N, C-alpha and C. Protein backbone atom coordinates (compact mmCIF):
# COMPACT_ATOMS: atom_id res chain seq x y z
N MET A 1 -6.12 -58.87 18.25
CA MET A 1 -6.85 -58.35 17.36
C MET A 1 -8.24 -57.81 17.92
N ALA A 2 -8.59 -56.44 17.70
CA ALA A 2 -9.62 -55.94 18.26
C ALA A 2 -10.82 -56.29 17.36
N VAL A 3 -11.99 -56.60 17.98
CA VAL A 3 -13.36 -56.97 17.33
C VAL A 3 -14.08 -55.87 17.52
N GLU A 4 -14.87 -55.24 16.47
CA GLU A 4 -15.90 -54.22 16.42
C GLU A 4 -17.17 -54.92 16.14
N ILE A 5 -18.27 -54.43 17.00
CA ILE A 5 -19.51 -55.07 16.49
C ILE A 5 -20.41 -53.94 16.00
N ILE A 6 -21.08 -54.29 14.87
CA ILE A 6 -21.92 -53.68 14.01
C ILE A 6 -23.16 -53.36 14.21
N THR A 7 -23.85 -52.44 14.64
CA THR A 7 -25.28 -52.58 14.84
C THR A 7 -26.31 -52.21 13.81
N LYS A 8 -27.16 -52.40 14.06
CA LYS A 8 -28.18 -51.92 12.84
C LYS A 8 -28.41 -50.47 12.67
N ASP A 9 -28.15 -49.88 13.94
CA ASP A 9 -28.25 -48.25 13.71
C ASP A 9 -27.00 -47.94 12.87
N ASP A 10 -26.01 -48.64 13.18
CA ASP A 10 -24.67 -48.31 12.28
C ASP A 10 -24.90 -48.59 10.78
N LEU A 11 -25.44 -49.59 10.43
CA LEU A 11 -25.59 -49.94 9.24
C LEU A 11 -26.90 -49.02 8.52
N GLN A 12 -27.76 -48.42 9.30
CA GLN A 12 -28.65 -47.40 8.89
C GLN A 12 -28.00 -46.35 8.67
N VAL A 13 -27.22 -45.89 9.47
CA VAL A 13 -26.62 -44.31 9.38
C VAL A 13 -25.41 -44.69 7.93
N PHE A 14 -24.87 -45.88 7.69
CA PHE A 14 -24.00 -45.96 6.61
C PHE A 14 -24.93 -46.04 5.32
N ARG A 15 -26.30 -46.72 5.50
CA ARG A 15 -27.13 -46.80 4.30
C ARG A 15 -27.50 -44.96 3.86
N VAL A 16 -27.90 -44.58 4.80
CA VAL A 16 -27.98 -43.10 4.50
C VAL A 16 -26.76 -42.27 3.70
N GLN A 17 -25.80 -42.22 4.29
CA GLN A 17 -24.63 -41.51 3.89
C GLN A 17 -24.35 -42.22 2.39
N LEU A 18 -24.44 -43.57 2.16
CA LEU A 18 -24.41 -44.15 0.76
C LEU A 18 -25.17 -43.59 -0.16
N LEU A 19 -26.41 -43.56 0.25
CA LEU A 19 -27.47 -42.99 -0.68
C LEU A 19 -27.31 -41.48 -1.08
N ASN A 20 -26.94 -40.76 -0.01
CA ASN A 20 -26.78 -39.47 -0.09
C ASN A 20 -25.59 -39.31 -0.99
N ASP A 21 -24.63 -39.84 -1.06
CA ASP A 21 -23.39 -39.84 -1.98
C ASP A 21 -23.73 -40.32 -3.27
N ILE A 22 -24.55 -41.25 -3.32
CA ILE A 22 -24.92 -41.74 -4.90
C ILE A 22 -25.77 -40.62 -5.31
N LYS A 23 -26.73 -39.99 -4.70
CA LYS A 23 -27.50 -38.85 -5.21
C LYS A 23 -26.49 -37.73 -5.77
N GLN A 24 -25.45 -37.30 -4.94
CA GLN A 24 -24.62 -36.29 -5.45
C GLN A 24 -24.04 -36.52 -6.56
N LEU A 25 -23.79 -37.80 -6.93
CA LEU A 25 -22.90 -38.37 -8.08
C LEU A 25 -24.03 -38.36 -9.38
N LEU A 26 -25.27 -38.34 -8.92
CA LEU A 26 -26.21 -38.58 -10.13
C LEU A 26 -26.89 -37.11 -10.30
N VAL A 27 -26.51 -36.05 -9.91
CA VAL A 27 -27.07 -34.79 -10.04
C VAL A 27 -26.85 -34.21 -11.47
N VAL A 28 -28.09 -33.94 -12.00
CA VAL A 28 -27.92 -33.26 -13.54
C VAL A 28 -27.23 -32.12 -13.48
N PRO A 29 -26.46 -31.54 -14.55
CA PRO A 29 -26.10 -30.27 -14.28
C PRO A 29 -27.08 -29.23 -14.57
N THR A 30 -27.27 -27.95 -13.55
CA THR A 30 -28.25 -27.23 -13.77
C THR A 30 -27.95 -25.83 -14.88
N GLN A 31 -28.85 -25.51 -14.98
CA GLN A 31 -29.05 -24.44 -16.25
C GLN A 31 -27.62 -23.31 -15.91
N ALA A 32 -27.67 -22.68 -14.64
CA ALA A 32 -26.76 -22.03 -14.34
C ALA A 32 -25.14 -22.35 -14.56
N SER A 33 -25.08 -23.71 -14.38
CA SER A 33 -23.55 -24.24 -14.52
C SER A 33 -23.43 -24.08 -16.14
N LYS A 34 -24.21 -24.69 -16.71
CA LYS A 34 -23.82 -24.85 -18.34
C LYS A 34 -25.08 -24.46 -18.96
N PRO A 35 -25.18 -23.38 -19.51
CA PRO A 35 -26.70 -22.90 -20.24
C PRO A 35 -26.58 -23.58 -21.42
N TRP A 36 -25.27 -23.91 -22.30
CA TRP A 36 -25.41 -24.44 -23.71
C TRP A 36 -24.88 -25.65 -23.55
N LEU A 37 -25.17 -26.60 -24.31
CA LEU A 37 -24.64 -27.83 -24.54
C LEU A 37 -24.40 -28.06 -25.87
N ARG A 38 -23.44 -28.99 -26.48
CA ARG A 38 -22.93 -29.38 -27.54
C ARG A 38 -23.77 -30.70 -27.59
N SER A 39 -23.72 -31.13 -29.08
CA SER A 39 -24.57 -32.27 -29.46
C SER A 39 -24.23 -33.48 -28.68
N HIS A 40 -23.10 -33.91 -28.46
CA HIS A 40 -22.76 -34.97 -27.83
C HIS A 40 -23.08 -35.16 -26.32
N GLU A 41 -23.20 -33.77 -25.98
CA GLU A 41 -23.78 -33.90 -24.22
C GLU A 41 -25.18 -33.98 -24.39
N VAL A 42 -26.03 -33.44 -25.27
CA VAL A 42 -27.54 -33.89 -25.07
C VAL A 42 -27.81 -35.06 -25.78
N ARG A 43 -27.10 -35.73 -26.71
CA ARG A 43 -27.44 -37.23 -26.85
C ARG A 43 -27.32 -38.07 -25.55
N LYS A 44 -26.15 -37.68 -24.54
CA LYS A 44 -25.84 -38.31 -23.64
C LYS A 44 -26.88 -38.03 -22.62
N LEU A 45 -27.26 -36.97 -22.47
CA LEU A 45 -28.30 -36.64 -21.23
C LEU A 45 -29.78 -37.10 -21.76
N LEU A 46 -29.98 -37.22 -23.08
CA LEU A 46 -31.23 -37.66 -23.42
C LEU A 46 -31.03 -39.29 -23.49
N LYS A 47 -30.16 -39.76 -23.87
CA LYS A 47 -29.84 -41.23 -24.12
C LYS A 47 -30.46 -41.58 -25.53
N ILE A 48 -30.22 -40.40 -26.59
CA ILE A 48 -30.89 -40.81 -27.80
C ILE A 48 -29.42 -40.73 -28.84
N SER A 49 -29.61 -41.21 -30.02
CA SER A 49 -28.57 -41.32 -31.03
C SER A 49 -28.63 -39.93 -31.79
N ALA A 50 -27.79 -39.88 -32.56
CA ALA A 50 -27.20 -38.81 -33.41
C ALA A 50 -28.67 -38.52 -34.46
N GLY A 51 -28.87 -39.63 -34.88
CA GLY A 51 -30.03 -39.43 -35.84
C GLY A 51 -31.35 -39.20 -35.35
N THR A 52 -31.26 -39.12 -33.87
CA THR A 52 -32.85 -38.83 -33.17
C THR A 52 -32.91 -37.34 -33.20
N LEU A 53 -31.41 -37.04 -32.55
CA LEU A 53 -31.32 -35.80 -32.43
C LEU A 53 -31.42 -34.83 -33.49
N GLN A 54 -31.07 -35.35 -34.72
CA GLN A 54 -31.07 -34.84 -36.06
C GLN A 54 -32.56 -34.61 -36.21
N LYS A 55 -33.28 -35.72 -36.15
CA LYS A 55 -34.74 -35.51 -36.26
C LYS A 55 -35.62 -34.42 -35.38
N LEU A 56 -35.25 -34.23 -34.36
CA LEU A 56 -35.80 -33.45 -33.52
C LEU A 56 -35.36 -31.89 -33.97
N ARG A 57 -34.32 -31.57 -34.32
CA ARG A 57 -33.71 -30.51 -35.10
C ARG A 57 -34.59 -30.19 -36.25
N ILE A 58 -34.77 -31.26 -37.34
CA ILE A 58 -35.35 -30.98 -38.51
C ILE A 58 -37.02 -30.55 -38.19
N GLU A 59 -37.72 -31.31 -37.42
CA GLU A 59 -38.98 -31.17 -37.00
C GLU A 59 -39.14 -29.89 -36.28
N GLY A 60 -38.08 -29.26 -35.71
CA GLY A 60 -38.35 -28.07 -35.14
C GLY A 60 -38.70 -28.20 -33.80
N VAL A 61 -38.51 -29.36 -33.26
CA VAL A 61 -39.16 -29.68 -31.76
C VAL A 61 -38.01 -29.14 -30.74
N LEU A 62 -36.75 -29.23 -31.07
CA LEU A 62 -35.64 -28.70 -30.48
C LEU A 62 -34.85 -27.73 -31.32
N ARG A 63 -34.79 -26.60 -30.49
CA ARG A 63 -34.04 -25.25 -31.22
C ARG A 63 -32.47 -25.55 -31.10
N TYR A 64 -31.70 -24.56 -31.81
CA TYR A 64 -30.46 -24.99 -31.94
C TYR A 64 -29.83 -23.75 -32.38
N THR A 65 -28.59 -23.65 -32.02
CA THR A 65 -27.71 -22.43 -32.96
C THR A 65 -26.54 -23.19 -33.15
N LYS A 66 -26.04 -22.58 -34.53
CA LYS A 66 -24.90 -23.12 -35.15
C LYS A 66 -23.77 -22.20 -34.92
N VAL A 67 -22.60 -22.43 -34.53
CA VAL A 67 -21.52 -21.55 -34.73
C VAL A 67 -20.34 -22.44 -35.48
N GLY A 68 -19.89 -22.21 -36.69
CA GLY A 68 -19.37 -22.64 -37.60
C GLY A 68 -19.94 -23.95 -37.67
N THR A 69 -19.29 -25.05 -37.42
CA THR A 69 -19.74 -26.37 -37.58
C THR A 69 -20.43 -27.11 -36.41
N ILE A 70 -20.28 -26.60 -35.17
CA ILE A 70 -20.68 -26.96 -34.02
C ILE A 70 -22.06 -26.31 -33.82
N LEU A 71 -23.11 -27.40 -33.23
CA LEU A 71 -24.30 -26.96 -32.79
C LEU A 71 -24.54 -26.82 -31.38
N TYR A 72 -25.00 -25.86 -30.69
CA TYR A 72 -25.27 -25.56 -29.45
C TYR A 72 -26.84 -25.61 -29.16
N TYR A 73 -27.08 -26.25 -27.96
CA TYR A 73 -28.53 -26.47 -27.41
C TYR A 73 -28.74 -25.92 -26.23
N ARG A 74 -29.67 -24.89 -25.84
CA ARG A 74 -29.98 -24.41 -24.74
C ARG A 74 -30.27 -25.31 -23.59
N TYR A 75 -29.88 -25.60 -22.56
CA TYR A 75 -30.25 -26.41 -21.32
C TYR A 75 -31.68 -26.00 -21.21
N GLU A 76 -32.18 -25.04 -21.13
CA GLU A 76 -33.52 -24.72 -20.94
C GLU A 76 -34.76 -25.03 -21.88
N ASP A 77 -34.16 -25.19 -23.04
CA ASP A 77 -34.82 -25.52 -23.81
C ASP A 77 -35.29 -27.30 -23.90
N ILE A 78 -33.99 -27.90 -23.39
CA ILE A 78 -34.00 -29.29 -23.33
C ILE A 78 -35.09 -29.72 -22.08
N VAL A 79 -34.96 -29.02 -21.03
CA VAL A 79 -35.74 -29.20 -19.80
C VAL A 79 -37.39 -28.71 -20.38
N LYS A 80 -37.65 -27.82 -21.15
CA LYS A 80 -38.84 -27.51 -21.63
C LYS A 80 -39.47 -28.76 -22.60
N LEU A 81 -38.55 -29.19 -23.30
CA LEU A 81 -38.95 -30.26 -24.17
C LEU A 81 -39.52 -31.54 -23.32
N LEU A 82 -39.02 -32.00 -22.41
CA LEU A 82 -38.98 -32.89 -21.29
C LEU A 82 -40.29 -32.78 -20.69
N GLU A 83 -40.30 -31.56 -20.13
CA GLU A 83 -41.52 -31.22 -19.27
C GLU A 83 -42.91 -31.23 -20.41
N SER A 84 -42.77 -30.94 -21.43
CA SER A 84 -44.02 -30.81 -22.36
C SER A 84 -44.45 -32.32 -22.87
N ASN A 85 -43.63 -33.41 -22.60
CA ASN A 85 -43.93 -34.54 -22.97
C ASN A 85 -44.16 -35.20 -21.71
N MET A 86 -44.35 -34.64 -20.87
CA MET A 86 -44.65 -35.65 -19.28
C MET A 86 -46.17 -36.12 -19.42
N THR A 87 -46.15 -37.22 -18.95
CA THR A 87 -47.66 -37.99 -18.93
C THR A 87 -48.06 -38.29 -17.35
N ALA A 88 -49.18 -38.18 -17.30
CA ALA A 88 -49.90 -38.28 -15.70
C ALA A 88 -49.65 -39.71 -15.15
């Protein structure tokens, strides 16, 4: 049975690789990849309920487009909404 010795440098390299892999998994889709989102995607992205999303629509906070029975939201508008509510 072969024995391998793992050094602190080996663990540091593994840590950096693991963090990079996790970051790639957590990347939010960009506007170029998907400019329009459906309601369930917006709720998942913002972690809000259907009622909260409806309230944002009614109050005119978040613009939308309706095609048939499906509501679509521009990714750009969601980013603007988040940026406008940033605090220092």
